[in-house]
C-alpha atoms as a PDB file:
ATOM      1  CA  MET A   1      90.018  99.421  87.364  1.00  0.00           C
ATOM      2  CA  TYR A   2      93.490  98.773  85.631  1.00  0.00           C
ATOM      3  CA  GLY A   3      93.973 102.620  85.262  1.00  0.00           C
ATOM      4  CA  ASP A   4      92.825 103.637  88.771  1.00  0.00           C
ATOM      5  CA  PRO A   5      93.275 107.395  88.805  1.00  0.00           C
ATOM      6  CA  ALA A   6      94.939 107.345  92.306  1.00  0.00           C
ATOM      7  CA  THR A   7      97.362 104.695  91.377  1.00  0.00           C
ATOM      8  CA  ILE A   8      98.354 106.291  88.195  1.00  0.00           C
ATOM      9  CA  ARG A   9      99.195 109.610  90.080  1.00  0.00           C
ATOM     10  CA  ARG A  10     101.098 107.444  92.866  1.00  0.00           C
ATOM     11  CA  ILE A  11     103.181 105.843  90.273  1.00  0.00           C
ATOM     12  CA  LEU A  12     103.965 108.873  88.308  1.00  0.00           C
ATOM     13  CA  GLN A  13     104.739 111.374  91.357  1.00  0.00           C
ATOM     14  CA  GLU A  14     105.466 109.378  94.360  1.00  0.00           C
ATOM     15  CA  THR A  15     106.940 105.911  93.318  1.00  0.00           C
ATOM     16  CA  GLY A  16     110.213 107.032  92.107  1.00  0.00           C
ATOM     17  CA  ASP A  17     112.109 108.176  89.007  1.00  0.00           C
ATOM     18  CA  THR A  18     113.823 105.128  87.511  1.00  0.00           C
ATOM     19  CA  TRP A  19     111.734 103.666  84.698  1.00  0.00           C
ATOM     20  CA  ALA A  20     112.872 100.567  82.881  1.00  0.00           C
ATOM     21  CA  ILE A  21     111.319 100.454  79.767  1.00  0.00           C
ATOM     22  CA  VAL A  22     110.769  97.169  78.447  1.00  0.00           C
ATOM     23  CA  GLY A  23     110.751  96.813  74.552  1.00  0.00           C
ATOM     24  CA  LEU A  24     112.630 100.397  74.166  1.00  0.00           C
ATOM     25  CA  SER A  25     115.016 100.169  71.129  1.00  0.00           C
ATOM     26  CA  ALA A  26     116.754 103.023  69.273  1.00  0.00           C
ATOM     27  CA  ASN A  27     114.059 102.383  66.439  1.00  0.00           C
ATOM     28  CA  ARG A  28     112.439 105.991  66.469  1.00  0.00           C
ATOM     29  CA  ASN A  29     109.325 104.687  64.889  1.00  0.00           C
ATOM     30  CA  ARG A  30     108.193 102.571  67.780  1.00  0.00           C
ATOM     31  CA  ALA A  31     105.986 104.127  70.331  1.00  0.00           C
ATOM     32  CA  ALA A  32     108.279 103.197  73.369  1.00  0.00           C
ATOM     33  CA  TYR A  33     110.975 105.767  71.727  1.00  0.00           C
ATOM     34  CA  GLY A  34     108.425 108.657  72.154  1.00  0.00           C
ATOM     35  CA  VAL A  35     107.205 107.674  75.338  1.00  0.00           C
ATOM     36  CA  ALA A  36     110.841 107.408  76.686  1.00  0.00           C
ATOM     37  CA  ASP A  37     111.418 111.040  75.428  1.00  0.00           C
ATOM     38  CA  VAL A  38     108.474 112.268  77.382  1.00  0.00           C
ATOM     39  CA  LEU A  39     109.272 110.481  80.613  1.00  0.00           C
ATOM     40  CA  GLN A  40     113.053 112.009  80.311  1.00  0.00           C
ATOM     41  CA  ARG A  41     111.386 115.352  79.530  1.00  0.00           C
ATOM     42  CA  TYR A  42     109.384 114.923  82.956  1.00  0.00           C
ATOM     43  CA  GLY A  43     112.546 114.156  84.930  1.00  0.00           C
ATOM     44  CA  LYS A  44     112.288 110.481  84.931  1.00  0.00           C
ATOM     45  CA  ARG A  45     115.572 108.446  84.357  1.00  0.00           C
ATOM     46  CA  ILE A  46     114.756 105.837  81.698  1.00  0.00           C
ATOM     47  CA  VAL A  47     116.546 102.412  81.385  1.00  0.00           C
ATOM     48  CA  PRO A  48     116.226 100.769  77.836  1.00  0.00           C
ATOM     49  CA  VAL A  49     115.617  96.913  78.092  1.00  0.00           C
ATOM     50  CA  HIS A  50     115.753  95.116  74.885  1.00  0.00           C
ATOM     51  CA  PRO A  51     117.653  92.049  73.679  1.00  0.00           C
ATOM     52  CA  LYS A  52     119.972  94.329  71.700  1.00  0.00           C
ATOM     53  CA  ALA A  53     120.767  96.290  74.911  1.00  0.00           C
ATOM     54  CA  GLU A  54     120.949  99.118  72.910  1.00  0.00           C
ATOM     55  CA  SER A  55     121.456 102.888  74.230  1.00  0.00           C
ATOM     56  CA  VAL A  56     118.546 104.968  73.666  1.00  0.00           C
ATOM     57  CA  HIS A  57     118.281 108.913  74.508  1.00  0.00           C
ATOM     58  CA  GLY A  58     121.682 108.660  76.352  1.00  0.00           C
ATOM     59  CA  GLU A  59     121.013 105.854  78.552  1.00  0.00           C
ATOM     60  CA  GLN A  60     122.719 102.580  78.673  1.00  0.00           C
ATOM     61  CA  GLY A  61     120.643  99.571  77.589  1.00  0.00           C
ATOM     62  CA  TYR A  62     120.213  96.214  79.385  1.00  0.00           C
ATOM     63  CA  PRO A  63     119.018  92.861  77.615  1.00  0.00           C
ATOM     64  CA  SER A  64     116.911  92.149  80.482  1.00  0.00           C
ATOM     65  CA  LEU A  65     115.397  93.317  83.830  1.00  0.00           C
ATOM     66  CA  ALA A  66     117.712  91.096  85.704  1.00  0.00           C
ATOM     67  CA  ALA A  67     120.815  92.497  83.928  1.00  0.00           C
ATOM     68  CA  ILE A  68     120.249  95.984  85.618  1.00  0.00           C
ATOM     69  CA  PRO A  69     122.799  96.555  88.118  1.00  0.00           C
ATOM     70  CA  PHE A  70     120.762  99.361  90.292  1.00  0.00           C
ATOM     71  CA  PRO A  71     117.369  99.467  91.811  1.00  0.00           C
ATOM     72  CA  VAL A  72     114.391 100.052  89.345  1.00  0.00           C
ATOM     73  CA  ASP A  73     111.330 102.007  90.652  1.00  0.00           C
ATOM     74  CA  VAL A  74     108.709 101.418  87.681  1.00  0.00           C
ATOM     75  CA  VAL A  75     108.831  98.830  84.741  1.00  0.00           C
ATOM     76  CA  ASP A  76     107.032 100.208  81.753  1.00  0.00           C
ATOM     77  CA  VAL A  77     106.037  97.267  79.527  1.00  0.00           C
ATOM     78  CA  PHE A  78     105.937  97.595  75.680  1.00  0.00           C
ATOM     79  CA  VAL A  79     105.513  93.699  74.745  1.00  0.00           C
ATOM     80  CA  ASN A  80     102.429  92.089  73.466  1.00  0.00           C
ATOM     81  CA  SER A  81     100.073  90.839  76.352  1.00  0.00           C
ATOM     82  CA  GLY A  82     101.244  87.344  75.735  1.00  0.00           C
ATOM     83  CA  LEU A  83     104.835  87.938  76.958  1.00  0.00           C
ATOM     84  CA  ALA A  84     103.640  90.770  79.282  1.00  0.00           C
ATOM     85  CA  GLY A  85     103.104  88.630  82.408  1.00  0.00           C
ATOM     86  CA  GLY A  86     106.623  87.040  82.175  1.00  0.00           C
ATOM     87  CA  ILE A  87     107.807  90.590  82.409  1.00  0.00           C
ATOM     88  CA  ALA A  88     105.518  91.335  85.338  1.00  0.00           C
ATOM     89  CA  ASP A  89     107.007  88.360  87.107  1.00  0.00           C
ATOM     90  CA  GLU A  90     110.599  89.379  86.330  1.00  0.00           C
ATOM     91  CA  ALA A  91     109.786  93.017  87.683  1.00  0.00           C
ATOM     92  CA  LEU A  92     108.372  91.564  91.061  1.00  0.00           C
ATOM     93  CA  ALA A  93     111.637  89.372  91.322  1.00  0.00           C
ATOM     94  CA  ILE A  94     113.713  92.403  90.985  1.00  0.00           C
ATOM     95  CA  GLY A  95     111.824  94.265  93.592  1.00  0.00           C
ATOM     96  CA  ALA A  96     110.324  97.115  91.270  1.00  0.00           C
ATOM     97  CA  LYS A  97     107.822  98.967  93.221  1.00  0.00           C
ATOM     98  CA  ALA A  98     105.271  99.391  90.329  1.00  0.00           C
ATOM     99  CA  ILE A  99     104.490  97.817  86.973  1.00  0.00           C
ATOM    100  CA  TRP A 100     102.760  99.707  84.183  1.00  0.00           C
ATOM    101  CA  PHE A 101     101.462  98.052  81.031  1.00  0.00           C
ATOM    102  CA  GLN A 102     100.982  99.990  77.835  1.00  0.00           C
ATOM    103  CA  LEU A 103      98.093 100.639  75.670  1.00  0.00           C
ATOM    104  CA  GLY A 104      96.560  97.491  74.438  1.00  0.00           C
ATOM    105  CA  VAL A 105      98.784  95.401  76.762  1.00  0.00           C
ATOM    106  CA  ILE A 106      96.542  93.600  79.550  1.00  0.00           C
ATOM    107  CA  ASP A 107      97.106  90.222  81.451  1.00  0.00           C
ATOM    108  CA  GLU A 108      94.589  90.055  84.459  1.00  0.00           C
ATOM    109  CA  ALA A 109      96.714  87.228  85.957  1.00  0.00           C
ATOM    110  CA  ALA A 110      99.745  89.333  86.109  1.00  0.00           C
ATOM    111  CA  TYR A 111      97.599  92.191  87.505  1.00  0.00           C
ATOM    112  CA  ASP A 112      96.442  89.864  90.485  1.00  0.00           C
ATOM    113  CA  ARG A 113      99.917  88.397  91.049  1.00  0.00           C
ATOM    114  CA  ALA A 114     101.357  92.136  91.220  1.00  0.00           C
ATOM    115  CA  ARG A 115      98.758  93.594  93.672  1.00  0.00           C
ATOM    116  CA  ALA A 116      98.988  90.459  95.993  1.00  0.00           C
ATOM    117  CA  GLY A 117     102.491  91.232  95.915  1.00  0.00           C
ATOM    118  CA  GLY A 118     101.900  94.736  97.028  1.00  0.00           C
ATOM    119  CA  VAL A 119     102.930  96.473  93.985  1.00  0.00           C
ATOM    120  CA  ASP A 120     100.902  98.980  92.080  1.00  0.00           C
ATOM    121  CA  MET A 121     100.377  98.150  88.535  1.00  0.00           C
ATOM    122  CA  VAL A 122      98.417 100.114  85.609  1.00  0.00           C
ATOM    123  CA  MET A 123      97.387  98.452  82.464  1.00  0.00           C
ATOM    124  CA  ASP A 124      96.153  99.559  79.081  1.00  0.00           C
ATOM    125  CA  ARG A 125      97.364 103.419  79.846  1.00  0.00           C
ATOM    126  CA  CYS A 126     100.310 105.309  78.666  1.00  0.00           C
ATOM    127  CA  PRO A 127     102.299 107.294  81.015  1.00  0.00           C
ATOM    128  CA  ALA A 128     103.251 109.974  78.268  1.00  0.00           C
ATOM    129  CA  ILE A 129      99.314 110.637  78.102  1.00  0.00           C
ATOM    130  CA  GLU A 130      98.782 110.435  81.984  1.00  0.00           C
ATOM    131  CA  ILE A 131     101.801 112.643  83.024  1.00  0.00           C
ATOM    132  CA  PRO A 132     100.417 115.903  81.334  1.00  0.00           C
ATOM    133  CA  ARG A 133      97.025 115.364  83.063  1.00  0.00           C
ATOM    134  CA  LEU A 134      98.493 115.699  86.460  1.00  0.00           C
ATOM    135  CA  GLY A 135      99.178 119.433  85.902  1.00  0.00           C
END
């Protein structure tokens, strides 16, 4: 349900190429760093979102979604499930077209709010795993 193949395909192929990655820092040991690299290799523009606002993979970082001065297509969330719902609400507030919660990140109420707002959402999946499957 939270990883519907049609929704995954739509987000990865049709939703747009600007991905804000919440929790992305310059720490090469974190999963977000590697996933951002994969997304870039597949033509996505990554936007690091982290309190430190570090530049990562050559892209300017921002301290929050609200601080990003241009439209974002997808918000990819690398925070724990307890914080993820608030990030989903911020994603809705900035007009993101889709929300993606990483492996292990689940908030059913946030999923329901996103879907009720007409926004595609995937939970407990990784785009770096799903993109190569599209062929």
